C-alpha atoms as a PDB file:
ATOM      1  CA  MET A   1      10.356 101.499 -44.051  1.00  0.00           C
ATOM      2  CA  LEU A   2      11.023 103.060 -40.914  1.00  0.00           C
ATOM      3  CA  PHE A   3       9.354 102.772 -37.320  1.00  0.00           C
ATOM      4  CA  CYS A   4       9.463 105.429 -34.375  1.00  0.00           C
ATOM      5  CA  ILE A   5       9.418 102.966 -31.504  1.00  0.00           C
ATOM      6  CA  SER A   6       7.862 105.515 -29.018  1.00  0.00           C
ATOM      7  CA  ALA A   7       4.674 105.260 -30.979  1.00  0.00           C
ATOM      8  CA  PHE A   8       3.641 102.012 -29.437  1.00  0.00           C
ATOM      9  CA  LYS A   9       1.308 102.150 -26.608  1.00  0.00           C
ATOM     10  CA  ALA A  10       2.458 102.185 -22.871  1.00  0.00           C
ATOM     11  CA  THR A  11       0.598  99.087 -22.353  1.00  0.00           C
ATOM     12  CA  GLU A  12       2.733  97.061 -25.073  1.00  0.00           C
ATOM     13  CA  PHE A  13       6.201  95.969 -25.591  1.00  0.00           C
ATOM     14  CA  PRO A  14       7.249  97.349 -28.827  1.00  0.00           C
ATOM     15  CA  GLU A  15       8.151  94.589 -30.984  1.00  0.00           C
ATOM     16  CA  ALA A  16       8.581  93.460 -34.732  1.00  0.00           C
ATOM     17  CA  GLU A  17       8.253  90.121 -37.039  1.00  0.00           C
ATOM     18  CA  ILE A  18      10.024  89.109 -40.075  1.00  0.00           C
ATOM     19  CA  SER A  19       9.683  85.913 -41.653  1.00  0.00           C
ATOM     20  CA  ASN A  20      11.282  84.309 -44.708  1.00  0.00           C
ATOM     21  CA  GLY A  21       8.139  81.644 -45.198  1.00  0.00           C
ATOM     22  CA  ILE A  22      10.424  78.941 -43.387  1.00  0.00           C
ATOM     23  CA  VAL A  23      11.357  80.730 -40.346  1.00  0.00           C
ATOM     24  CA  LYS A  24       9.627  83.148 -38.336  1.00  0.00           C
ATOM     25  CA  VAL A  25      11.170  85.561 -35.801  1.00  0.00           C
ATOM     26  CA  ASN A  26       9.231  87.822 -33.466  1.00  0.00           C
ATOM     27  CA  ILE A  27      12.036  90.679 -31.810  1.00  0.00           C
ATOM     28  CA  TYR A  28      11.286  93.167 -28.781  1.00  0.00           C
ATOM     29  CA  LEU A  29      12.407  96.500 -29.954  1.00  0.00           C
ATOM     30  CA  PRO A  30      14.505  98.640 -27.774  1.00  0.00           C
ATOM     31  CA  ASP A  31      12.560 101.751 -25.881  1.00  0.00           C
ATOM     32  CA  SER A  32      13.891 103.506 -22.780  1.00  0.00           C
ATOM     33  CA  GLU A  33      10.218 104.137 -21.713  1.00  0.00           C
ATOM     34  CA  ILE A  34       8.382 100.830 -22.454  1.00  0.00           C
ATOM     35  CA  GLY A  35      10.844  98.458 -23.621  1.00  0.00           C
ATOM     36  CA  TYR A  36      10.622  94.671 -22.571  1.00  0.00           C
ATOM     37  CA  TYR A  37      14.449  94.846 -21.385  1.00  0.00           C
ATOM     38  CA  ARG A  38      15.649  98.042 -19.586  1.00  0.00           C
ATOM     39  CA  ALA A  39      18.507  96.762 -17.311  1.00  0.00           C
ATOM     40  CA  THR A  40      22.185  97.824 -17.867  1.00  0.00           C
ATOM     41  CA  ARG A  41      23.657  93.931 -18.484  1.00  0.00           C
ATOM     42  CA  PHE A  42      22.857  93.149 -22.115  1.00  0.00           C
ATOM     43  CA  ASP A  43      22.656  94.829 -25.290  1.00  0.00           C
ATOM     44  CA  TRP A  44      19.166  96.023 -25.793  1.00  0.00           C
ATOM     45  CA  SER A  45      19.242  95.417 -29.847  1.00  0.00           C
ATOM     46  CA  GLY A  46      18.194  92.138 -30.958  1.00  0.00           C
ATOM     47  CA  VAL A  47      16.207  90.554 -27.853  1.00  0.00           C
ATOM     48  CA  ILE A  48      14.167  87.613 -29.745  1.00  0.00           C
ATOM     49  CA  LYS A  49      11.221  86.945 -27.944  1.00  0.00           C
ATOM     50  CA  SER A  50      10.629  84.030 -30.261  1.00  0.00           C
ATOM     51  CA  LEU A  51      11.627  81.795 -33.249  1.00  0.00           C
ATOM     52  CA  SER A  52       9.531  79.046 -34.834  1.00  0.00           C
ATOM     53  CA  TYR A  53      10.534  76.834 -37.571  1.00  0.00           C
ATOM     54  CA  LYS A  54       8.688  73.686 -38.776  1.00  0.00           C
ATOM     55  CA  GLY A  55       6.717  73.502 -35.458  1.00  0.00           C
ATOM     56  CA  HIS A  56       9.539  74.014 -33.417  1.00  0.00           C
ATOM     57  CA  SER A  57      10.395  76.666 -30.887  1.00  0.00           C
ATOM     58  CA  TYR A  58      13.826  77.918 -30.066  1.00  0.00           C
ATOM     59  CA  PHE A  59      13.700  81.194 -27.606  1.00  0.00           C
ATOM     60  CA  GLY A  60      11.017  82.343 -24.720  1.00  0.00           C
ATOM     61  CA  GLU A  61      11.099  83.461 -21.065  1.00  0.00           C
ATOM     62  CA  TRP A  62      13.123  80.743 -19.414  1.00  0.00           C
ATOM     63  CA  PHE A  63      12.707  82.934 -16.036  1.00  0.00           C
ATOM     64  CA  LYS A  64       9.683  82.722 -13.697  1.00  0.00           C
ATOM     65  CA  LYS A  65       8.873  86.758 -13.343  1.00  0.00           C
ATOM     66  CA  HIS A  66       9.722  89.399 -15.959  1.00  0.00           C
ATOM     67  CA  ASP A  67      10.786  92.846 -14.736  1.00  0.00           C
ATOM     68  CA  PRO A  68      12.071  95.030 -17.464  1.00  0.00           C
ATOM     69  CA  SER A  69      14.935  96.420 -15.216  1.00  0.00           C
ATOM     70  CA  LYS A  70      15.871  93.058 -13.866  1.00  0.00           C
ATOM     71  CA  HIS A  71      19.468  92.312 -15.783  1.00  0.00           C
ATOM     72  CA  ASP A  72      18.634  88.270 -16.621  1.00  0.00           C
ATOM     73  CA  ALA A  73      14.905  88.836 -17.317  1.00  0.00           C
ATOM     74  CA  ILE A  74      15.549  88.706 -21.125  1.00  0.00           C
ATOM     75  CA  THR A  75      15.215  86.484 -23.996  1.00  0.00           C
ATOM     76  CA  GLY A  76      16.965  84.983 -27.126  1.00  0.00           C
ATOM     77  CA  PRO A  77      20.417  84.946 -28.445  1.00  0.00           C
ATOM     78  CA  VAL A  78      21.467  88.297 -26.859  1.00  0.00           C
ATOM     79  CA  GLU A  79      24.654  89.864 -26.497  1.00  0.00           C
ATOM     80  CA  GLU A  80      26.859  91.370 -23.499  1.00  0.00           C
ATOM     81  CA  PHE A  81      29.842  93.665 -24.187  1.00  0.00           C
ATOM     82  CA  ASP A  82      32.433  94.234 -21.669  1.00  0.00           C
ATOM     83  CA  PRO A  83      32.100  97.480 -19.613  1.00  0.00           C
ATOM     84  CA  ILE A  84      34.296 100.324 -21.278  1.00  0.00           C
ATOM     85  CA  GLY A  85      36.567 102.681 -19.371  1.00  0.00           C
ATOM     86  CA  TYR A  86      35.090 101.276 -15.920  1.00  0.00           C
ATOM     87  CA  ASP A  87      38.286 100.713 -14.005  1.00  0.00           C
ATOM     88  CA  GLU A  88      39.823 104.093 -14.726  1.00  0.00           C
ATOM     89  CA  ALA A  89      36.465 105.971 -14.050  1.00  0.00           C
ATOM     90  CA  ARG A  90      36.109 107.253 -10.726  1.00  0.00           C
ATOM     91  CA  VAL A  91      32.787 107.270  -8.830  1.00  0.00           C
ATOM     92  CA  GLY A  92      30.226 109.227 -10.344  1.00  0.00           C
ATOM     93  CA  GLU A  93      32.185 109.379 -13.523  1.00  0.00           C
ATOM     94  CA  LYS A  94      30.701 107.602 -16.449  1.00  0.00           C
ATOM     95  CA  PHE A  95      31.620 104.361 -18.095  1.00  0.00           C
ATOM     96  CA  LEU A  96      30.354 102.625 -21.547  1.00  0.00           C
ATOM     97  CA  LYS A  97      28.392  99.477 -22.053  1.00  0.00           C
ATOM     98  CA  ILE A  98      27.661  99.181 -25.832  1.00  0.00           C
ATOM     99  CA  GLY A  99      24.380  98.932 -26.754  1.00  0.00           C
ATOM    100  CA  VAL A 100      23.296 100.147 -23.320  1.00  0.00           C
ATOM    101  CA  GLY A 101      24.759 103.752 -23.235  1.00  0.00           C
ATOM    102  CA  SER A 102      26.556 105.580 -21.011  1.00  0.00           C
ATOM    103  CA  LEU A 103      26.311 104.567 -17.428  1.00  0.00           C
ATOM    104  CA  ARG A 104      27.123 106.149 -13.828  1.00  0.00           C
ATOM    105  CA  LYS A 105      29.851 104.314 -11.817  1.00  0.00           C
ATOM    106  CA  SER A 106      28.615 104.077  -8.272  1.00  0.00           C
ATOM    107  CA  ASN A 107      30.972 102.640  -5.866  1.00  0.00           C
ATOM    108  CA  THR A 108      34.708 101.704  -5.861  1.00  0.00           C
ATOM    109  CA  LYS A 109      34.062  97.655  -6.382  1.00  0.00           C
ATOM    110  CA  PRO A 110      34.796  96.049  -9.221  1.00  0.00           C
ATOM    111  CA  TYR A 111      32.273  96.011 -12.174  1.00  0.00           C
ATOM    112  CA  SER A 112      29.191  93.498 -11.712  1.00  0.00           C
ATOM    113  CA  SER A 113      27.354  92.221 -14.523  1.00  0.00           C
ATOM    114  CA  TYR A 114      24.561  91.372 -12.086  1.00  0.00           C
ATOM    115  CA  GLY A 115      24.253  95.033 -10.812  1.00  0.00           C
ATOM    116  CA  LEU A 116      22.210  97.814 -12.125  1.00  0.00           C
ATOM    117  CA  TYR A 117      23.754 101.027 -12.604  1.00  0.00           C
ATOM    118  CA  GLU A 118      22.268 104.276 -13.636  1.00  0.00           C
ATOM    119  CA  ILE A 119      21.997 105.286 -17.444  1.00  0.00           C
ATOM    120  CA  GLU A 120      23.059 108.806 -17.870  1.00  0.00           C
ATOM    121  CA  ASN A 121      23.136 108.474 -21.398  1.00  0.00           C
ATOM    122  CA  HIS A 122      20.678 106.692 -23.385  1.00  0.00           C
ATOM    123  CA  GLY A 123      21.957 107.319 -26.701  1.00  0.00           C
ATOM    124  CA  LYS A 124      19.439 107.371 -29.984  1.00  0.00           C
ATOM    125  CA  TRP A 125      18.021 104.273 -31.024  1.00  0.00           C
ATOM    126  CA  GLY A 126      16.809 103.701 -34.669  1.00  0.00           C
ATOM    127  CA  VAL A 127      14.779 100.873 -36.555  1.00  0.00           C
ATOM    128  CA  LYS A 128      14.679 100.102 -40.101  1.00  0.00           C
ATOM    129  CA  LYS A 129      12.395  97.079 -41.164  1.00  0.00           C
ATOM    130  CA  ARG A 130      11.364  94.958 -44.248  1.00  0.00           C
ATOM    131  CA  SER A 131       9.632  91.586 -44.265  1.00  0.00           C
ATOM    132  CA  ASP A 132      12.610  89.409 -43.942  1.00  0.00           C
ATOM    133  CA  LYS A 133      15.375  92.000 -42.083  1.00  0.00           C
ATOM    134  CA  ILE A 134      15.346  94.324 -39.529  1.00  0.00           C
ATOM    135  CA  GLU A 135      17.834  96.891 -38.762  1.00  0.00           C
ATOM    136  CA  ILE A 136      18.484  98.181 -35.252  1.00  0.00           C
ATOM    137  CA  SER A 137      21.180 101.267 -34.691  1.00  0.00           C
ATOM    138  CA  HIS A 138      22.293 102.514 -31.720  1.00  0.00           C
ATOM    139  CA  GLU A 139      24.217 106.120 -31.730  1.00  0.00           C
ATOM    140  CA  LEU A 140      25.881 107.143 -29.002  1.00  0.00           C
ATOM    141  CA  THR A 141      27.685 110.682 -28.868  1.00  0.00           C
ATOM    142  CA  ASP A 142      29.286 111.682 -25.582  1.00  0.00           C
ATOM    143  CA  ASP A 143      32.005 113.959 -23.914  1.00  0.00           C
ATOM    144  CA  PHE A 144      33.936 111.587 -21.979  1.00  0.00           C
ATOM    145  CA  GLY A 145      35.978 110.314 -25.016  1.00  0.00           C
ATOM    146  CA  TYR A 146      33.571 107.370 -25.823  1.00  0.00           C
ATOM    147  CA  SER A 147      31.115 107.265 -28.768  1.00  0.00           C
ATOM    148  CA  TYR A 148      29.940 104.752 -31.228  1.00  0.00           C
ATOM    149  CA  LEU A 149      27.448 103.976 -33.981  1.00  0.00           C
ATOM    150  CA  TYR A 150      26.461 100.368 -33.528  1.00  0.00           C
ATOM    151  CA  THR A 151      23.967  98.238 -35.920  1.00  0.00           C
ATOM    152  CA  LYS A 152      22.590  95.242 -35.517  1.00  0.00           C
ATOM    153  CA  THR A 153      20.763  93.601 -38.550  1.00  0.00           C
ATOM    154  CA  ILE A 154      18.751  90.431 -37.926  1.00  0.00           C
ATOM    155  CA  SER A 155      17.732  88.600 -41.160  1.00  0.00           C
ATOM    156  CA  VAL A 156      16.145  85.476 -42.111  1.00  0.00           C
ATOM    157  CA  VAL A 157      17.882  83.772 -45.351  1.00  0.00           C
ATOM    158  CA  LYS A 158      15.618  83.496 -48.477  1.00  0.00           C
ATOM    159  CA  GLY A 159      14.652  79.468 -48.961  1.00  0.00           C
ATOM    160  CA  LYS A 160      16.975  78.260 -46.223  1.00  0.00           C
ATOM    161  CA  PRO A 161      16.085  77.862 -42.368  1.00  0.00           C
ATOM    162  CA  GLU A 162      18.743  80.297 -41.206  1.00  0.00           C
ATOM    163  CA  MET A 163      19.027  83.388 -39.181  1.00  0.00           C
ATOM    164  CA  LEU A 164      21.816  85.902 -39.416  1.00  0.00           C
ATOM    165  CA  LEU A 165      22.954  88.381 -36.560  1.00  0.00           C
ATOM    166  CA  GLU A 166      24.991  90.925 -38.423  1.00  0.00           C
ATOM    167  CA  HIS A 167      27.211  93.606 -36.274  1.00  0.00           C
ATOM    168  CA  THR A 168      28.651  96.541 -37.374  1.00  0.00           C
ATOM    169  CA  LEU A 169      30.620  98.550 -34.630  1.00  0.00           C
ATOM    170  CA  LYS A 170      31.912 101.970 -35.427  1.00  0.00           C
ATOM    171  CA  ASN A 171      34.110 103.948 -32.985  1.00  0.00           C
ATOM    172  CA  THR A 172      33.181 107.591 -33.379  1.00  0.00           C
ATOM    173  CA  GLY A 173      35.079 108.779 -30.328  1.00  0.00           C
ATOM    174  CA  GLN A 174      38.796 109.673 -29.256  1.00  0.00           C
ATOM    175  CA  ARG A 175      39.196 106.787 -27.163  1.00  0.00           C
ATOM    176  CA  LEU A 176      40.189 103.318 -28.211  1.00  0.00           C
ATOM    177  CA  ILE A 177      37.248 100.471 -27.668  1.00  0.00           C
ATOM    178  CA  LYS A 178      38.630  97.456 -26.372  1.00  0.00           C
ATOM    179  CA  GLY A 179      37.182  94.334 -24.496  1.00  0.00           C
ATOM    180  CA  ASP A 180      35.225  91.211 -25.472  1.00  0.00           C
ATOM    181  CA  VAL A 181      31.336  90.495 -26.379  1.00  0.00           C
ATOM    182  CA  TYR A 182      29.827  87.161 -25.910  1.00  0.00           C
ATOM    183  CA  ASN A 183      26.235  85.707 -26.756  1.00  0.00           C
ATOM    184  CA  HIS A 184      24.176  84.092 -24.136  1.00  0.00           C
ATOM    185  CA  ASN A 185      22.200  82.416 -26.170  1.00  0.00           C
ATOM    186  CA  PHE A 186      19.310  81.267 -23.797  1.00  0.00           C
ATOM    187  CA  PHE A 187      17.820  78.633 -25.806  1.00  0.00           C
ATOM    188  CA  VAL A 188      14.561  77.195 -24.670  1.00  0.00           C
ATOM    189  CA  MET A 189      14.012  74.548 -27.170  1.00  0.00           C
ATOM    190  CA  ASP A 190      10.096  73.511 -27.700  1.00  0.00           C
ATOM    191  CA  ASN A 191       9.514  74.453 -23.971  1.00  0.00           C
ATOM    192  CA  GLN A 192      11.263  71.157 -22.650  1.00  0.00           C
ATOM    193  CA  GLN A 193      12.841  70.840 -19.255  1.00  0.00           C
ATOM    194  CA  THR A 194      16.748  70.663 -19.284  1.00  0.00           C
ATOM    195  CA  GLY A 195      17.997  67.138 -19.304  1.00  0.00           C
ATOM    196  CA  THR A 196      19.360  64.032 -20.772  1.00  0.00           C
ATOM    197  CA  ASP A 197      17.418  64.757 -24.081  1.00  0.00           C
ATOM    198  CA  ILE A 198      19.687  67.755 -24.622  1.00  0.00           C
ATOM    199  CA  LYS A 199      22.702  67.303 -26.383  1.00  0.00           C
ATOM    200  CA  ILE A 200      25.500  70.069 -26.953  1.00  0.00           C
ATOM    201  CA  LYS A 201      28.267  69.367 -29.594  1.00  0.00           C
ATOM    202  CA  PHE A 202      31.487  71.051 -30.316  1.00  0.00           C
ATOM    203  CA  PRO A 203      34.205  70.599 -33.325  1.00  0.00           C
ATOM    204  CA  PHE A 204      36.972  70.114 -30.687  1.00  0.00           C
ATOM    205  CA  GLU A 205      37.485  67.744 -27.748  1.00  0.00           C
ATOM    206  CA  ILE A 206      36.579  69.554 -24.917  1.00  0.00           C
ATOM    207  CA  GLN A 207      37.537  70.081 -21.428  1.00  0.00           C
ATOM    208  CA  GLY A 208      36.512  72.111 -18.615  1.00  0.00           C
ATOM    209  CA  SER A 209      35.657  72.000 -14.767  1.00  0.00           C
ATOM    210  CA  GLY A 210      32.534  73.785 -12.980  1.00  0.00           C
ATOM    211  CA  LYS A 211      29.501  73.553 -11.080  1.00  0.00           C
ATOM    212  CA  GLY A 212      27.401  70.684 -11.568  1.00  0.00           C
ATOM    213  CA  LEU A 213      29.504  68.281 -13.732  1.00  0.00           C
ATOM    214  CA  GLY A 214      29.928  65.034 -12.360  1.00  0.00           C
ATOM    215  CA  GLN A 215      26.300  65.881 -10.543  1.00  0.00           C
ATOM    216  CA  TYR A 216      24.166  66.803 -13.098  1.00  0.00           C
ATOM    217  CA  ALA A 217      26.322  66.700 -16.591  1.00  0.00           C
ATOM    218  CA  GLN A 218      29.404  65.350 -17.887  1.00  0.00           C
ATOM    219  CA  VAL A 219      32.145  66.502 -20.737  1.00  0.00           C
ATOM    220  CA  GLU A 220      32.595  63.400 -22.810  1.00  0.00           C
ATOM    221  CA  ASP A 221      34.965  64.049 -26.172  1.00  0.00           C
ATOM    222  CA  LYS A 222      32.998  66.534 -28.274  1.00  0.00           C
ATOM    223  CA  GLU A 223      29.939  66.873 -26.174  1.00  0.00           C
ATOM    224  CA  ILE A 224      28.170  68.199 -22.791  1.00  0.00           C
ATOM    225  CA  LYS A 225      25.355  65.464 -21.813  1.00  0.00           C
ATOM    226  CA  TYR A 226      23.030  65.880 -18.934  1.00  0.00           C
ATOM    227  CA  LEU A 227      23.294  63.148 -16.319  1.00  0.00           C
ATOM    228  CA  ARG A 228      19.587  63.420 -15.337  1.00  0.00           C
ATOM    229  CA  ASN A 229      17.056  66.115 -15.874  1.00  0.00           C
ATOM    230  CA  LEU A 230      17.666  69.753 -14.012  1.00  0.00           C
ATOM    231  CA  LYS A 231      15.160  70.569 -11.410  1.00  0.00           C
ATOM    232  CA  ASP A 232      14.463  74.394  -9.876  1.00  0.00           C
ATOM    233  CA  ASN A 233      17.858  76.035  -8.536  1.00  0.00           C
ATOM    234  CA  GLU A 234      19.928  73.732 -10.440  1.00  0.00           C
ATOM    235  CA  ASN A 235      22.518  74.610 -13.069  1.00  0.00           C
ATOM    236  CA  VAL A 236      25.635  73.600 -15.030  1.00  0.00           C
ATOM    237  CA  HIS A 237      28.484  76.203 -15.157  1.00  0.00           C
ATOM    238  CA  ILE A 238      31.519  75.614 -16.932  1.00  0.00           C
ATOM    239  CA  PRO A 239      33.501  79.295 -16.681  1.00  0.00           C
ATOM    240  CA  ILE A 240      36.381  78.352 -19.094  1.00  0.00           C
ATOM    241  CA  LEU A 241      35.341  75.309 -21.588  1.00  0.00           C
ATOM    242  CA  ARG A 242      38.916  74.641 -23.315  1.00  0.00           C
ATOM    243  CA  GLY A 243      39.989  72.600 -26.474  1.00  0.00           C
ATOM    244  CA  TYR A 244      39.442  75.272 -29.310  1.00  0.00           C
ATOM    245  CA  GLY A 245      42.017  76.884 -31.027  1.00  0.00           C
ATOM    246  CA  THR A 246      42.607  80.209 -32.928  1.00  0.00           C
ATOM    247  CA  GLU A 247      41.007  79.385 -36.161  1.00  0.00           C
ATOM    248  CA  VAL A 248      37.625  80.178 -37.039  1.00  0.00           C
ATOM    249  CA  LYS A 249      36.298  76.988 -37.565  1.00  0.00           C
ATOM    250  CA  ASP A 250      36.385  76.521 -33.841  1.00  0.00           C
ATOM    251  CA  ASN A 251      33.675  79.096 -33.282  1.00  0.00           C
ATOM    252  CA  ASP A 252      30.768  76.305 -34.152  1.00  0.00           C
ATOM    253  CA  PHE A 253      28.606  74.526 -31.655  1.00  0.00           C
ATOM    254  CA  ARG A 254      25.046  72.530 -31.825  1.00  0.00           C
ATOM    255  CA  ILE A 255      22.455  71.986 -29.561  1.00  0.00           C
ATOM    256  CA  GLU A 256      19.650  69.484 -30.387  1.00  0.00           C
ATOM    257  CA  ASN A 257      16.818  68.468 -28.180  1.00  0.00           C
ATOM    258  CA  HIS A 258      16.337  64.543 -29.133  1.00  0.00           C
ATOM    259  CA  LYS A 259      13.115  64.154 -27.751  1.00  0.00           C
ATOM    260  CA  SER A 260      11.344  66.913 -29.503  1.00  0.00           C
ATOM    261  CA  GLY A 261      13.428  66.359 -32.711  1.00  0.00           C
ATOM    262  CA  ALA A 262      14.548  70.189 -32.862  1.00  0.00           C
ATOM    263  CA  GLY A 263      18.223  70.963 -33.512  1.00  0.00           C
ATOM    264  CA  VAL A 264      20.413  74.357 -34.374  1.00  0.00           C
ATOM    265  CA  ARG A 265      23.906  74.910 -35.303  1.00  0.00           C
ATOM    266  CA  ILE A 266      25.446  78.445 -34.830  1.00  0.00           C
ATOM    267  CA  LEU A 267      28.554  79.406 -36.592  1.00  0.00           C
ATOM    268  CA  GLY A 268      30.701  82.482 -35.713  1.00  0.00           C
ATOM    269  CA  ASP A 269      32.800  84.510 -38.204  1.00  0.00           C
ATOM    270  CA  LYS A 270      35.973  85.302 -35.601  1.00  0.00           C
ATOM    271  CA  PRO A 271      37.812  83.370 -33.647  1.00  0.00           C
ATOM    272  CA  LEU A 272      37.009  82.283 -29.962  1.00  0.00           C
ATOM    273  CA  SER A 273      38.472  84.460 -27.367  1.00  0.00           C
ATOM    274  CA  ARG A 274      36.349  82.191 -24.648  1.00  0.00           C
ATOM    275  CA  MET A 275      33.879  79.752 -23.886  1.00  0.00           C
ATOM    276  CA  VAL A 276      31.570  79.643 -21.198  1.00  0.00           C
ATOM    277  CA  PHE A 277      28.456  77.214 -20.800  1.00  0.00           C
ATOM    278  CA  TRP A 278      25.587  77.850 -18.551  1.00  0.00           C
ATOM    279  CA  SER A 279      22.232  76.094 -18.025  1.00  0.00           C
ATOM    280  CA  SER A 280      19.415  76.099 -15.635  1.00  0.00           C
ATOM    281  CA  SER A 281      16.420  73.754 -15.280  1.00  0.00           C
ATOM    282  CA  THR A 282      14.365  75.865 -18.351  1.00  0.00           C
ATOM    283  CA  THR A 283      17.657  77.165 -20.498  1.00  0.00           C
ATOM    284  CA  SER A 284      20.961  75.589 -22.035  1.00  0.00           C
ATOM    285  CA  CYS A 285      23.526  78.571 -22.942  1.00  0.00           C
ATOM    286  CA  PRO A 286      26.833  77.879 -24.675  1.00  0.00           C
ATOM    287  CA  GLU A 287      28.387  81.179 -24.505  1.00  0.00           C
ATOM    288  CA  PRO A 288      31.040  82.306 -27.415  1.00  0.00           C
ATOM    289  CA  TYR A 289      33.208  85.304 -27.000  1.00  0.00           C
ATOM    290  CA  ILE A 290      35.280  87.110 -29.414  1.00  0.00           C
ATOM    291  CA  HIS A 291      37.131  90.122 -28.990  1.00  0.00           C
ATOM    292  CA  ILE A 292      36.974  93.668 -30.162  1.00  0.00           C
ATOM    293  CA  SER A 293      39.735  96.183 -30.859  1.00  0.00           C
ATOM    294  CA  ILE A 294      38.691  99.250 -32.612  1.00  0.00           C
ATOM    295  CA  ASN A 295      40.466 102.246 -32.995  1.00  0.00           C
ATOM    296  CA  PRO A 296      38.895 106.286 -33.377  1.00  0.00           C
ATOM    297  CA  GLY A 297      37.475 106.445 -36.502  1.00  0.00           C
ATOM    298  CA  GLN A 298      37.242 102.772 -37.673  1.00  0.00           C
ATOM    299  CA  LYS A 299      34.958 100.398 -37.526  1.00  0.00           C
ATOM    300  CA  MET A 300      34.398  96.284 -36.991  1.00  0.00           C
ATOM    301  CA  ARG A 301      32.054  93.783 -38.476  1.00  0.00           C
ATOM    302  CA  TRP A 302      31.094  90.355 -37.262  1.00  0.00           C
ATOM    303  CA  THR A 303      28.088  87.798 -38.224  1.00  0.00           C
ATOM    304  CA  ASN A 304      26.483  85.025 -36.040  1.00  0.00           C
ATOM    305  CA  THR A 305      25.044  82.128 -38.145  1.00  0.00           C
ATOM    306  CA  TYR A 306      22.228  80.132 -37.052  1.00  0.00           C
ATOM    307  CA  GLN A 307      20.940  76.860 -39.090  1.00  0.00           C
ATOM    308  CA  PHE A 308      17.810  75.337 -37.827  1.00  0.00           C
ATOM    309  CA  TYR A 309      17.097  71.794 -38.749  1.00  0.00           C
ATOM    310  CA  GLU A 310      14.916  68.607 -37.418  1.00  0.00           C
ATOM    311  CA  ILE A 311      17.087  65.398 -36.138  1.00  0.00           C
ATOM    312  CA  PRO A 312      15.977  62.138 -38.041  1.00  0.00           C
END
């Protein structure tokens, strides 16, 4: 079944719902005119509005005010790709953000995820939906050497409390596509304040330093634990979290809310290239990075699995 996402009323954000009777997921659909998210930091495909399992909610708005052009006004497990071709582009020339389009370089400063850039070429979006699955594709053809076909499929697994994010990226241009991609996650579990009831667990002994550690949270063995509930404008940021190796098994972590009983395990099928952690008073965000390197004519696939459960 094919949806034309431009057919939605201008007063609504286009969205779709999938369910397997166990997990229900509401997804915002990409649209350059009336989409929920139209900024240039994150991939527009698969912005998850909400996800529910056994009365628990896992995602939602963690910020105070929504603005479609604000780079962080976004929900759910969303991804950001490194900019491609930014450093070699001159001011006024184009560079690539996968899942967004071809952007215009506006000045000589280093690229900033927190800046807004003019979108020169939005590419072509497509959406195919079934009751338990939605496929969002983005095809970008441009004249500066970078072109691609990117597909993200969000599905819920039959008979299981699981969601899959399956990605395929094909390089249809003439230049190498190389960089990192990570998922920011933005968990908002049962709409509860970030604090001592939230536990973040890894399969390896973790080390790291950063803002808020020792004051709001601490690293202890294989866990990040909060020392108290976070207030507005307080956050924890570990820019380089260490301890993982080169094996896929380390791309595995859990977040648990021990007050509401909600838990989730997130697994990737590629080795970690980096691990970052960030949280505010409303969200906790383990950010697993993987590396991509795709020659012209080649493609790469990767999958993130989300397993939802209740804590006994």
